[in-house]
Amino acid sequence: MATSAATVAAWVDLYRAAWLSNDPDDIRAAFAEDAEYRDGPNSEPWVGHADIVERWLAQQDAPGDTTFEWQPVALEADTAVIRCLTTYPGRVFDNLWVLRLADDGRAREFTDWYIER
């Protein structure tokens, strides 16, 4: 799949819907069945729907707890790098997401590189 600004925006919408709802169906909608999710660049991946949902819910954010801005930095073949700004009450994070999309528009691989301001 050729990654475009539109496909990345559609995926970010899926991710943000899951982030806001913490609904397992929304989480699964954003990730391929055998996806790998890394919540940091050096972390072991969460692999597959069951693992991703379980670990996501174990560290979920409260719905409506954040504001979120993003923009694509690089798009190449099936890969996108996305710059994000995530604001929680009293905390702000700069994120770089590295995303590889499957042909159906769901993530095959996702890594969140983040630092707190």
PDB file of N, CA and C in Angstrom:
ATOM      1  N   MET A   1       0.836  -1.186   0.000  1.00  0.00           N
ATOM      2  CA  MET A   1       0.000   0.000   0.000  1.00  0.00           C
ATOM      3  C   MET A   1       0.875   1.240   0.000  1.00  0.00           C
ATOM      4  N   ALA A   2       0.600   2.151  -0.891  1.00  0.00           N
ATOM      5  CA  ALA A   2       1.301   3.426  -0.905  1.00  0.00           C
ATOM      6  C   ALA A   2       0.684   4.333   0.156  1.00  0.00           C
ATOM      7  N   THR A   3       1.514   4.790   1.061  1.00  0.00           N
ATOM      8  CA  THR A   3       1.039   5.647   2.133  1.00  0.00           C
ATOM      9  C   THR A   3       0.882   7.065   1.594  1.00  0.00           C
ATOM     10  N   SER A   4      -0.266   7.654   1.849  1.00  0.00           N
ATOM     11  CA  SER A   4      -0.540   9.027   1.440  1.00  0.00           C
ATOM     12  C   SER A   4      -1.003   9.815   2.665  1.00  0.00           C
ATOM     13  N   ALA A   5      -1.075  11.117   2.509  1.00  0.00           N
ATOM     14  CA  ALA A   5      -1.579  11.942   3.606  1.00  0.00           C
ATOM     15  C   ALA A   5      -2.994  11.507   3.986  1.00  0.00           C
ATOM     16  N   ALA A   6      -3.804  11.137   2.997  1.00  0.00           N
ATOM     17  CA  ALA A   6      -5.188  10.720   3.269  1.00  0.00           C
ATOM     18  C   ALA A   6      -5.238   9.400   4.035  1.00  0.00           C
ATOM     19  N   THR A   7      -4.400   8.427   3.672  1.00  0.00           N
ATOM     20  CA  THR A   7      -4.419   7.146   4.387  1.00  0.00           C
ATOM     21  C   THR A   7      -3.900   7.315   5.816  1.00  0.00           C
ATOM     22  N   VAL A   8      -2.911   8.172   5.993  1.00  0.00           N
ATOM     23  CA  VAL A   8      -2.394   8.435   7.340  1.00  0.00           C
ATOM     24  C   VAL A   8      -3.460   9.138   8.178  1.00  0.00           C
ATOM     25  N   ALA A   9      -4.137  10.122   7.605  1.00  0.00           N
ATOM     26  CA  ALA A   9      -5.199  10.829   8.335  1.00  0.00           C
ATOM     27  C   ALA A   9      -6.317   9.868   8.735  1.00  0.00           C
ATOM     28  N   ALA A  10      -6.677   8.967   7.839  1.00  0.00           N
ATOM     29  CA  ALA A  10      -7.718   7.984   8.152  1.00  0.00           C
ATOM     30  C   ALA A  10      -7.270   7.089   9.300  1.00  0.00           C
ATOM     31  N   TRP A  11      -5.998   6.685   9.302  1.00  0.00           N
ATOM     32  CA  TRP A  11      -5.509   5.841  10.388  1.00  0.00           C
ATOM     33  C   TRP A  11      -5.461   6.615  11.709  1.00  0.00           C
ATOM     34  N   VAL A  12      -4.983   7.859  11.679  1.00  0.00           N
ATOM     35  CA  VAL A  12      -4.950   8.657  12.907  1.00  0.00           C
ATOM     36  C   VAL A  12      -6.365   8.807  13.473  1.00  0.00           C
ATOM     37  N   ASP A  13      -7.358   8.953  12.597  1.00  0.00           N
ATOM     38  CA  ASP A  13      -8.749   9.011  13.064  1.00  0.00           C
ATOM     39  C   ASP A  13      -9.147   7.719  13.783  1.00  0.00           C
ATOM     40  N   LEU A  14      -8.733   6.568  13.237  1.00  0.00           N
ATOM     41  CA  LEU A  14      -9.018   5.291  13.900  1.00  0.00           C
ATOM     42  C   LEU A  14      -8.328   5.215  15.262  1.00  0.00           C
ATOM     43  N   TYR A  15      -7.075   5.612  15.291  1.00  0.00           N
ATOM     44  CA  TYR A  15      -6.311   5.563  16.537  1.00  0.00           C
ATOM     45  C   TYR A  15      -6.931   6.485  17.579  1.00  0.00           C
ATOM     46  N   ARG A  16      -7.260   7.699  17.161  1.00  0.00           N
ATOM     47  CA  ARG A  16      -7.832   8.668  18.101  1.00  0.00           C
ATOM     48  C   ARG A  16      -9.202   8.201  18.612  1.00  0.00           C
ATOM     49  N   ALA A  17      -9.997   7.565  17.752  1.00  0.00           N
ATOM     50  CA  ALA A  17     -11.289   7.015  18.202  1.00  0.00           C
ATOM     51  C   ALA A  17     -11.056   5.964  19.281  1.00  0.00           C
ATOM     52  N   ALA A  18     -10.052   5.109  19.081  1.00  0.00           N
ATOM     53  CA  ALA A  18      -9.733   4.094  20.086  1.00  0.00           C
ATOM     54  C   ALA A  18      -9.224   4.744  21.371  1.00  0.00           C
ATOM     55  N   TRP A  19      -8.406   5.759  21.231  1.00  0.00           N
ATOM     56  CA  TRP A  19      -7.838   6.474  22.379  1.00  0.00           C
ATOM     57  C   TRP A  19      -8.953   7.099  23.214  1.00  0.00           C
ATOM     58  N   LEU A  20      -9.944   7.662  22.541  1.00  0.00           N
ATOM     59  CA  LEU A  20     -11.020   8.346  23.256  1.00  0.00           C
ATOM     60  C   LEU A  20     -12.057   7.391  23.844  1.00  0.00           C
ATOM     61  N   SER A  21     -12.218   6.232  23.231  1.00  0.00           N
ATOM     62  CA  SER A  21     -13.258   5.308  23.707  1.00  0.00           C
ATOM     63  C   SER A  21     -12.732   4.186  24.593  1.00  0.00           C
ATOM     64  N   ASN A  22     -11.484   3.755  24.350  1.00  0.00           N
ATOM     65  CA  ASN A  22     -10.923   2.568  24.999  1.00  0.00           C
ATOM     66  C   ASN A  22     -11.788   1.333  24.757  1.00  0.00           C
ATOM     67  N   ASP A  23     -12.526   1.343  23.667  1.00  0.00           N
ATOM     68  CA  ASP A  23     -13.367   0.210  23.294  1.00  0.00           C
ATOM     69  C   ASP A  23     -12.514  -0.807  22.535  1.00  0.00           C
ATOM     70  N   PRO A  24     -12.514  -2.072  22.962  1.00  0.00           N
ATOM     71  CA  PRO A  24     -11.700  -3.078  22.274  1.00  0.00           C
ATOM     72  C   PRO A  24     -11.952  -3.155  20.765  1.00  0.00           C
ATOM     73  N   ASP A  25     -13.190  -2.975  20.325  1.00  0.00           N
ATOM     74  CA  ASP A  25     -13.467  -3.003  18.883  1.00  0.00           C
ATOM     75  C   ASP A  25     -12.794  -1.839  18.171  1.00  0.00           C
ATOM     76  N   ASP A  26     -12.765  -0.672  18.784  1.00  0.00           N
ATOM     77  CA  ASP A  26     -12.084   0.483  18.186  1.00  0.00           C
ATOM     78  C   ASP A  26     -10.573   0.261  18.138  1.00  0.00           C
ATOM     79  N   ILE A  27     -10.028  -0.338  19.184  1.00  0.00           N
ATOM     80  CA  ILE A  27      -8.588  -0.627  19.206  1.00  0.00           C
ATOM     81  C   ILE A  27      -8.251  -1.606  18.085  1.00  0.00           C
ATOM     82  N   ARG A  28      -9.017  -2.692  17.976  1.00  0.00           N
ATOM     83  CA  ARG A  28      -8.767  -3.686  16.927  1.00  0.00           C
ATOM     84  C   ARG A  28      -8.918  -3.078  15.533  1.00  0.00           C
ATOM     85  N   ALA A  29      -9.812  -2.113  15.370  1.00  0.00           N
ATOM     86  CA  ALA A  29     -10.043  -1.501  14.058  1.00  0.00           C
ATOM     87  C   ALA A  29      -8.810  -0.767  13.541  1.00  0.00           C
ATOM     88  N   ALA A  30      -7.937  -0.327  14.431  1.00  0.00           N
ATOM     89  CA  ALA A  30      -6.757   0.432  14.028  1.00  0.00           C
ATOM     90  C   ALA A  30      -5.549  -0.445  13.706  1.00  0.00           C
ATOM     91  N   PHE A  31      -5.590  -1.726  14.083  1.00  0.00           N
ATOM     92  CA  PHE A  31      -4.413  -2.582  13.965  1.00  0.00           C
ATOM     93  C   PHE A  31      -4.718  -3.884  13.226  1.00  0.00           C
ATOM     94  N   ALA A  32      -3.794  -4.286  12.377  1.00  0.00           N
ATOM     95  CA  ALA A  32      -3.898  -5.584  11.716  1.00  0.00           C
ATOM     96  C   ALA A  32      -3.876  -6.679  12.788  1.00  0.00           C
ATOM     97  N   GLU A  33      -4.421  -7.831  12.454  1.00  0.00           N
ATOM     98  CA  GLU A  33      -4.531  -8.913  13.438  1.00  0.00           C
ATOM     99  C   GLU A  33      -3.194  -9.328  14.025  1.00  0.00           C
ATOM    100  N   ASP A  34      -2.127  -9.257  13.232  1.00  0.00           N
ATOM    101  CA  ASP A  34      -0.803  -9.666  13.704  1.00  0.00           C
ATOM    102  C   ASP A  34       0.123  -8.460  13.917  1.00  0.00           C
ATOM    103  N   ALA A  35      -0.450  -7.293  14.135  1.00  0.00           N
ATOM    104  CA  ALA A  35       0.327  -6.061  14.290  1.00  0.00           C
ATOM    105  C   ALA A  35       1.279  -6.132  15.474  1.00  0.00           C
ATOM    106  N   GLU A  36       2.319  -5.296  15.371  1.00  0.00           N
ATOM    107  CA  GLU A  36       3.247  -5.098  16.480  1.00  0.00           C
ATOM    108  C   GLU A  36       3.136  -3.649  16.929  1.00  0.00           C
ATOM    109  N   TYR A  37       2.907  -3.449  18.225  1.00  0.00           N
ATOM    110  CA  TYR A  37       2.747  -2.135  18.828  1.00  0.00           C
ATOM    111  C   TYR A  37       3.854  -1.965  19.856  1.00  0.00           C
ATOM    112  N   ARG A  38       4.617  -0.911  19.720  1.00  0.00           N
ATOM    113  CA  ARG A  38       5.656  -0.602  20.706  1.00  0.00           C
ATOM    114  C   ARG A  38       5.311   0.735  21.350  1.00  0.00           C
ATOM    115  N   ASP A  39       5.239   0.738  22.674  1.00  0.00           N
ATOM    116  CA  ASP A  39       4.910   1.974  23.372  1.00  0.00           C
ATOM    117  C   ASP A  39       6.163   2.775  23.717  1.00  0.00           C
ATOM    118  N   GLY A  40       7.264   2.429  23.134  1.00  0.00           N
ATOM    119  CA  GLY A  40       8.533   3.131  23.242  1.00  0.00           C
ATOM    120  C   GLY A  40       9.512   2.485  22.282  1.00  0.00           C
ATOM    121  N   PRO A  41      10.546   3.207  21.891  1.00  0.00           N
ATOM    122  CA  PRO A  41      11.454   2.680  20.867  1.00  0.00           C
ATOM    123  C   PRO A  41      12.223   1.435  21.282  1.00  0.00           C
ATOM    124  N   ASN A  42      12.414   1.236  22.574  1.00  0.00           N
ATOM    125  CA  ASN A  42      13.178   0.079  23.044  1.00  0.00           C
ATOM    126  C   ASN A  42      12.313  -0.970  23.721  1.00  0.00           C
ATOM    127  N   SER A  43      11.002  -0.810  23.650  1.00  0.00           N
ATOM    128  CA  SER A  43      10.126  -1.748  24.348  1.00  0.00           C
ATOM    129  C   SER A  43       9.857  -2.991  23.502  1.00  0.00           C
ATOM    130  N   GLU A  44       9.549  -4.068  24.187  1.00  0.00           N
ATOM    131  CA  GLU A  44       9.134  -5.284  23.496  1.00  0.00           C
ATOM    132  C   GLU A  44       7.773  -5.025  22.855  1.00  0.00           C
ATOM    133  N   PRO A  45       7.543  -5.549  21.668  1.00  0.00           N
ATOM    134  CA  PRO A  45       6.260  -5.269  21.006  1.00  0.00           C
ATOM    135  C   PRO A  45       5.100  -6.008  21.657  1.00  0.00           C
ATOM    136  N   TRP A  46       3.963  -5.373  21.584  1.00  0.00           N
ATOM    137  CA  TRP A  46       2.695  -6.033  21.886  1.00  0.00           C
ATOM    138  C   TRP A  46       2.284  -6.627  20.552  1.00  0.00           C
ATOM    139  N   VAL A  47       2.044  -7.921  20.489  1.00  0.00           N
ATOM    140  CA  VAL A  47       1.829  -8.584  19.203  1.00  0.00           C
ATOM    141  C   VAL A  47       0.422  -9.154  19.116  1.00  0.00           C
ATOM    142  N   GLY A  48      -0.315  -8.729  18.099  1.00  0.00           N
ATOM    143  CA  GLY A  48      -1.645  -9.248  17.831  1.00  0.00           C
ATOM    144  C   GLY A  48      -2.725  -8.534  18.623  1.00  0.00           C
ATOM    145  N   HIS A  49      -3.955  -8.708  18.148  1.00  0.00           N
ATOM    146  CA  HIS A  49      -5.098  -8.017  18.746  1.00  0.00           C
ATOM    147  C   HIS A  49      -5.234  -8.258  20.244  1.00  0.00           C
ATOM    148  N   ALA A  50      -5.160  -9.495  20.689  1.00  0.00           N
ATOM    149  CA  ALA A  50      -5.396  -9.788  22.108  1.00  0.00           C
ATOM    150  C   ALA A  50      -4.384  -9.062  22.992  1.00  0.00           C
ATOM    151  N   ASP A  51      -3.110  -9.119  22.612  1.00  0.00           N
ATOM    152  CA  ASP A  51      -2.050  -8.477  23.392  1.00  0.00           C
ATOM    153  C   ASP A  51      -2.172  -6.955  23.353  1.00  0.00           C
ATOM    154  N   ILE A  52      -2.436  -6.405  22.175  1.00  0.00           N
ATOM    155  CA  ILE A  52      -2.571  -4.954  22.039  1.00  0.00           C
ATOM    156  C   ILE A  52      -3.743  -4.442  22.877  1.00  0.00           C
ATOM    157  N   VAL A  53      -4.881  -5.087  22.770  1.00  0.00           N
ATOM    158  CA  VAL A  53      -6.054  -4.647  23.549  1.00  0.00           C
ATOM    159  C   VAL A  53      -5.774  -4.752  25.038  1.00  0.00           C
ATOM    160  N   GLU A  54      -5.241  -5.869  25.486  1.00  0.00           N
ATOM    161  CA  GLU A  54      -4.982  -6.063  26.921  1.00  0.00           C
ATOM    162  C   GLU A  54      -4.041  -4.997  27.474  1.00  0.00           C
ATOM    163  N   ARG A  55      -2.932  -4.760  26.786  1.00  0.00           N
ATOM    164  CA  ARG A  55      -1.943  -3.810  27.282  1.00  0.00           C
ATOM    165  C   ARG A  55      -2.416  -2.362  27.135  1.00  0.00           C
ATOM    166  N   TRP A  56      -3.146  -2.082  26.056  1.00  0.00           N
ATOM    167  CA  TRP A  56      -3.728  -0.746  25.877  1.00  0.00           C
ATOM    168  C   TRP A  56      -4.633  -0.426  27.067  1.00  0.00           C
ATOM    169  N   LEU A  57      -5.545  -1.351  27.377  1.00  0.00           N
ATOM    170  CA  LEU A  57      -6.509  -1.115  28.450  1.00  0.00           C
ATOM    171  C   LEU A  57      -5.840  -1.034  29.817  1.00  0.00           C
ATOM    172  N   ALA A  58      -4.705  -1.716  29.982  1.00  0.00           N
ATOM    173  CA  ALA A  58      -3.980  -1.676  31.250  1.00  0.00           C
ATOM    174  C   ALA A  58      -3.356  -0.307  31.511  1.00  0.00           C
ATOM    175  N   GLN A  59      -3.124   0.479  30.459  1.00  0.00           N
ATOM    176  CA  GLN A  59      -2.521   1.802  30.652  1.00  0.00           C
ATOM    177  C   GLN A  59      -3.319   2.897  29.944  1.00  0.00           C
ATOM    178  N   GLN A  60      -4.602   2.675  29.800  1.00  0.00           N
ATOM    179  CA  GLN A  60      -5.464   3.606  29.069  1.00  0.00           C
ATOM    180  C   GLN A  60      -5.518   4.989  29.703  1.00  0.00           C
ATOM    181  N   ASP A  61      -5.748   5.975  28.825  1.00  0.00           N
ATOM    182  CA  ASP A  61      -6.009   7.342  29.269  1.00  0.00           C
ATOM    183  C   ASP A  61      -7.507   7.490  29.464  1.00  0.00           C
ATOM    184  N   ALA A  62      -7.884   8.339  30.398  1.00  0.00           N
ATOM    185  CA  ALA A  62      -9.300   8.622  30.592  1.00  0.00           C
ATOM    186  C   ALA A  62      -9.829   9.362  29.365  1.00  0.00           C
ATOM    187  N   PRO A  63     -10.974   8.968  28.840  1.00  0.00           N
ATOM    188  CA  PRO A  63     -11.538   9.672  27.683  1.00  0.00           C
ATOM    189  C   PRO A  63     -11.690  11.164  27.974  1.00  0.00           C
ATOM    190  N   GLY A  64     -11.309  11.969  26.993  1.00  0.00           N
ATOM    191  CA  GLY A  64     -11.425  13.414  27.132  1.00  0.00           C
ATOM    192  C   GLY A  64     -10.341  14.046  27.981  1.00  0.00           C
ATOM    193  N   ASP A  65      -9.319  13.258  28.349  1.00  0.00           N
ATOM    194  CA  ASP A  65      -8.251  13.723  29.228  1.00  0.00           C
ATOM    195  C   ASP A  65      -7.137  14.444  28.464  1.00  0.00           C
ATOM    196  N   THR A  66      -7.135  14.362  27.144  1.00  0.00           N
ATOM    197  CA  THR A  66      -6.030  14.901  26.361  1.00  0.00           C
ATOM    198  C   THR A  66      -6.513  15.824  25.252  1.00  0.00           C
ATOM    199  N   THR A  67      -5.607  16.686  24.836  1.00  0.00           N
ATOM    200  CA  THR A  67      -5.745  17.348  23.546  1.00  0.00           C
ATOM    201  C   THR A  67      -4.609  16.818  22.691  1.00  0.00           C
ATOM    202  N   PHE A  68      -4.815  16.849  21.396  1.00  0.00           N
ATOM    203  CA  PHE A  68      -3.902  16.149  20.504  1.00  0.00           C
ATOM    204  C   PHE A  68      -3.807  16.898  19.183  1.00  0.00           C
ATOM    205  N   GLU A  69      -2.576  17.139  18.750  1.00  0.00           N
ATOM    206  CA  GLU A  69      -2.310  17.732  17.447  1.00  0.00           C
ATOM    207  C   GLU A  69      -1.294  16.841  16.741  1.00  0.00           C
ATOM    208  N   TRP A  70      -1.376  16.802  15.411  1.00  0.00           N
ATOM    209  CA  TRP A  70      -0.432  15.959  14.688  1.00  0.00           C
ATOM    210  C   TRP A  70      -0.220  16.488  13.280  1.00  0.00           C
ATOM    211  N   GLN A  71       0.898  16.068  12.693  1.00  0.00           N
ATOM    212  CA  GLN A  71       1.175  16.357  11.291  1.00  0.00           C
ATOM    213  C   GLN A  71       2.158  15.312  10.764  1.00  0.00           C
ATOM    214  N   PRO A  72       1.995  14.900   9.511  1.00  0.00           N
ATOM    215  CA  PRO A  72       2.951  13.948   8.948  1.00  0.00           C
ATOM    216  C   PRO A  72       4.292  14.647   8.695  1.00  0.00           C
ATOM    217  N   VAL A  73       5.362  13.923   8.943  1.00  0.00           N
ATOM    218  CA  VAL A  73       6.709  14.436   8.705  1.00  0.00           C
ATOM    219  C   VAL A  73       7.294  13.799   7.453  1.00  0.00           C
ATOM    220  N   ALA A  74       7.042  12.487   7.286  1.00  0.00           N
ATOM    221  CA  ALA A  74       7.579  11.760   6.138  1.00  0.00           C
ATOM    222  C   ALA A  74       6.633  10.644   5.753  1.00  0.00           C
ATOM    223  N   LEU A  75       6.477  10.449   4.452  1.00  0.00           N
ATOM    224  CA  LEU A  75       5.668   9.368   3.902  1.00  0.00           C
ATOM    225  C   LEU A  75       6.512   8.670   2.844  1.00  0.00           C
ATOM    226  N   GLU A  76       6.654   7.354   2.983  1.00  0.00           N
ATOM    227  CA  GLU A  76       7.459   6.589   2.032  1.00  0.00           C
ATOM    228  C   GLU A  76       6.932   5.174   1.966  1.00  0.00           C
ATOM    229  N   ALA A  77       6.515   4.748   0.781  1.00  0.00           N
ATOM    230  CA  ALA A  77       5.978   3.398   0.575  1.00  0.00           C
ATOM    231  C   ALA A  77       4.864   3.145   1.593  1.00  0.00           C
ATOM    232  N   ASP A  78       5.049   2.165   2.495  1.00  0.00           N
ATOM    233  CA  ASP A  78       4.003   1.834   3.489  1.00  0.00           C
ATOM    234  C   ASP A  78       4.271   2.456   4.855  1.00  0.00           C
ATOM    235  N   THR A  79       5.229   3.387   4.933  1.00  0.00           N
ATOM    236  CA  THR A  79       5.674   3.925   6.208  1.00  0.00           C
ATOM    237  C   THR A  79       5.401   5.425   6.323  1.00  0.00           C
ATOM    238  N   ALA A  80       4.996   5.839   7.514  1.00  0.00           N
ATOM    239  CA  ALA A  80       4.802   7.252   7.810  1.00  0.00           C
ATOM    240  C   ALA A  80       5.469   7.577   9.142  1.00  0.00           C
ATOM    241  N   VAL A  81       6.000   8.783   9.220  1.00  0.00           N
ATOM    242  CA  VAL A  81       6.484   9.341  10.477  1.00  0.00           C
ATOM    243  C   VAL A  81       5.576  10.526  10.768  1.00  0.00           C
ATOM    244  N   ILE A  82       5.037  10.544  11.976  1.00  0.00           N
ATOM    245  CA  ILE A  82       4.033  11.528  12.349  1.00  0.00           C
ATOM    246  C   ILE A  82       4.502  12.255  13.606  1.00  0.00           C
ATOM    247  N   ARG A  83       4.521  13.581  13.559  1.00  0.00           N
ATOM    248  CA  ARG A  83       4.859  14.391  14.729  1.00  0.00           C
ATOM    249  C   ARG A  83       3.575  14.730  15.463  1.00  0.00           C
ATOM    250  N   CYS A  84       3.575  14.509  16.784  1.00  0.00           N
ATOM    251  CA  CYS A  84       2.377  14.740  17.590  1.00  0.00           C
ATOM    252  C   CYS A  84       2.717  15.596  18.802  1.00  0.00           C
ATOM    253  N   LEU A  85       1.715  16.293  19.272  1.00  0.00           N
ATOM    254  CA  LEU A  85       1.788  17.018  20.532  1.00  0.00           C
ATOM    255  C   LEU A  85       0.585  16.575  21.348  1.00  0.00           C
ATOM    256  N   THR A  86       0.850  15.979  22.501  1.00  0.00           N
ATOM    257  CA  THR A  86      -0.207  15.456  23.362  1.00  0.00           C
ATOM    258  C   THR A  86      -0.173  16.194  24.685  1.00  0.00           C
ATOM    259  N   THR A  87      -1.301  16.804  25.039  1.00  0.00           N
ATOM    260  CA  THR A  87      -1.380  17.589  26.269  1.00  0.00           C
ATOM    261  C   THR A  87      -2.374  16.944  27.226  1.00  0.00           C
ATOM    262  N   TYR A  88      -1.857  16.593  28.396  1.00  0.00           N
ATOM    263  CA  TYR A  88      -2.656  16.082  29.505  1.00  0.00           C
ATOM    264  C   TYR A  88      -2.756  17.204  30.545  1.00  0.00           C
ATOM    265  N   PRO A  89      -3.659  17.109  31.485  1.00  0.00           N
ATOM    266  CA  PRO A  89      -3.664  18.104  32.560  1.00  0.00           C
ATOM    267  C   PRO A  89      -2.304  18.120  33.276  1.00  0.00           C
ATOM    268  N   GLY A  90      -1.585  19.216  33.156  1.00  0.00           N
ATOM    269  CA  GLY A  90      -0.300  19.362  33.839  1.00  0.00           C
ATOM    270  C   GLY A  90       0.886  18.703  33.173  1.00  0.00           C
ATOM    271  N   ARG A  91       0.721  18.067  31.993  1.00  0.00           N
ATOM    272  CA  ARG A  91       1.832  17.374  31.321  1.00  0.00           C
ATOM    273  C   ARG A  91       1.700  17.539  29.808  1.00  0.00           C
ATOM    274  N   VAL A  92       2.831  17.703  29.140  1.00  0.00           N
ATOM    275  CA  VAL A  92       2.845  17.823  27.686  1.00  0.00           C
ATOM    276  C   VAL A  92       3.916  16.883  27.136  1.00  0.00           C
ATOM    277  N   PHE A  93       3.564  16.156  26.079  1.00  0.00           N
ATOM    278  CA  PHE A  93       4.488  15.225  25.435  1.00  0.00           C
ATOM    279  C   PHE A  93       4.647  15.558  23.960  1.00  0.00           C
ATOM    280  N   ASP A  94       5.890  15.500  23.499  1.00  0.00           N
ATOM    281  CA  ASP A  94       6.179  15.513  22.067  1.00  0.00           C
ATOM    282  C   ASP A  94       6.369  14.063  21.658  1.00  0.00           C
ATOM    283  N   ASN A  95       5.716  13.676  20.566  1.00  0.00           N
ATOM    284  CA  ASN A  95       5.775  12.298  20.089  1.00  0.00           C
ATOM    285  C   ASN A  95       6.213  12.270  18.634  1.00  0.00           C
ATOM    286  N   LEU A  96       6.934  11.241  18.274  1.00  0.00           N
ATOM    287  CA  LEU A  96       7.122  10.851  16.881  1.00  0.00           C
ATOM    288  C   LEU A  96       6.591   9.436  16.780  1.00  0.00           C
ATOM    289  N   TRP A  97       5.623   9.255  15.917  1.00  0.00           N
ATOM    290  CA  TRP A  97       5.092   7.926  15.667  1.00  0.00           C
ATOM    291  C   TRP A  97       5.683   7.406  14.378  1.00  0.00           C
ATOM    292  N   VAL A  98       6.165   6.183  14.406  1.00  0.00           N
ATOM    293  CA  VAL A  98       6.593   5.495  13.195  1.00  0.00           C
ATOM    294  C   VAL A  98       5.543   4.428  12.932  1.00  0.00           C
ATOM    295  N   LEU A  99       4.932   4.523  11.773  1.00  0.00           N
ATOM    296  CA  LEU A  99       3.761   3.726  11.435  1.00  0.00           C
ATOM    297  C   LEU A  99       3.987   3.009  10.114  1.00  0.00           C
ATOM    298  N   ARG A 100       3.737   1.706  10.089  1.00  0.00           N
ATOM    299  CA  ARG A 100       3.719   0.937   8.838  1.00  0.00           C
ATOM    300  C   ARG A 100       2.312   0.415   8.651  1.00  0.00           C
ATOM    301  N   LEU A 101       1.733   0.736   7.502  1.00  0.00           N
ATOM    302  CA  LEU A 101       0.349   0.367   7.237  1.00  0.00           C
ATOM    303  C   LEU A 101       0.236  -0.902   6.407  1.00  0.00           C
ATOM    304  N   ALA A 102      -0.774  -1.701   6.718  1.00  0.00           N
ATOM    305  CA  ALA A 102      -1.133  -2.865   5.908  1.00  0.00           C
ATOM    306  C   ALA A 102      -1.962  -2.382   4.725  1.00  0.00           C
ATOM    307  N   ASP A 103      -2.210  -3.266   3.783  1.00  0.00           N
ATOM    308  CA  ASP A 103      -2.982  -2.911   2.589  1.00  0.00           C
ATOM    309  C   ASP A 103      -4.387  -2.427   2.915  1.00  0.00           C
ATOM    310  N   ASP A 104      -4.947  -2.866   4.044  1.00  0.00           N
ATOM    311  CA  ASP A 104      -6.310  -2.456   4.398  1.00  0.00           C
ATOM    312  C   ASP A 104      -6.360  -1.158   5.206  1.00  0.00           C
ATOM    313  N   GLY A 105      -5.209  -0.500   5.392  1.00  0.00           N
ATOM    314  CA  GLY A 105      -5.177   0.784   6.086  1.00  0.00           C
ATOM    315  C   GLY A 105      -4.988   0.698   7.586  1.00  0.00           C
ATOM    316  N   ARG A 106      -4.930  -0.523   8.128  1.00  0.00           N
ATOM    317  CA  ARG A 106      -4.653  -0.684   9.553  1.00  0.00           C
ATOM    318  C   ARG A 106      -3.142  -0.767   9.759  1.00  0.00           C
ATOM    319  N   ALA A 107      -2.703  -0.504  10.981  1.00  0.00           N
ATOM    320  CA  ALA A 107      -1.275  -0.534  11.289  1.00  0.00           C
ATOM    321  C   ALA A 107      -0.759  -1.969  11.359  1.00  0.00           C
ATOM    322  N   ARG A 108       0.379  -2.215  10.706  1.00  0.00           N
ATOM    323  CA  ARG A 108       1.109  -3.479  10.864  1.00  0.00           C
ATOM    324  C   ARG A 108       2.139  -3.331  11.970  1.00  0.00           C
ATOM    325  N   GLU A 109       2.730  -2.121  12.017  1.00  0.00           N
ATOM    326  CA  GLU A 109       3.717  -1.813  13.045  1.00  0.00           C
ATOM    327  C   GLU A 109       3.500  -0.376  13.491  1.00  0.00           C
ATOM    328  N   PHE A 110       3.630  -0.159  14.797  1.00  0.00           N
ATOM    329  CA  PHE A 110       3.480   1.169  15.372  1.00  0.00           C
ATOM    330  C   PHE A 110       4.488   1.316  16.496  1.00  0.00           C
ATOM    331  N   THR A 111       5.254   2.391  16.470  1.00  0.00           N
ATOM    332  CA  THR A 111       6.176   2.701  17.560  1.00  0.00           C
ATOM    333  C   THR A 111       5.984   4.158  17.945  1.00  0.00           C
ATOM    334  N   ASP A 112       5.841   4.397  19.241  1.00  0.00           N
ATOM    335  CA  ASP A 112       5.686   5.744  19.784  1.00  0.00           C
ATOM    336  C   ASP A 112       6.998   6.164  20.435  1.00  0.00           C
ATOM    337  N   TRP A 113       7.669   7.131  19.832  1.00  0.00           N
ATOM    338  CA  TRP A 113       8.857   7.761  20.419  1.00  0.00           C
ATOM    339  C   TRP A 113       8.337   9.020  21.092  1.00  0.00           C
ATOM    340  N   TYR A 114       8.536   9.153  22.394  1.00  0.00           N
ATOM    341  CA  TYR A 114       7.975  10.307  23.089  1.00  0.00           C
ATOM    342  C   TYR A 114       8.937  10.843  24.140  1.00  0.00           C
ATOM    343  N   ILE A 115       8.734  12.113  24.439  1.00  0.00           N
ATOM    344  CA  ILE A 115       9.488  12.764  25.508  1.00  0.00           C
ATOM    345  C   ILE A 115       8.575  13.789  26.161  1.00  0.00           C
ATOM    346  N   GLU A 116       8.653  13.880  27.470  1.00  0.00           N
ATOM    347  CA  GLU A 116       7.865  14.868  28.194  1.00  0.00           C
ATOM    348  C   GLU A 116       8.596  16.193  28.184  1.00  0.00           C
ATOM    349  N   ARG A 117       7.847  17.256  27.951  1.00  0.00           N
ATOM    350  CA  ARG A 117       8.457  18.602  27.998  1.00  0.00           C
ATOM    351  C   ARG A 117       8.770  18.980  29.424  1.00  0.00           C
TER     352      ARG A 117
END
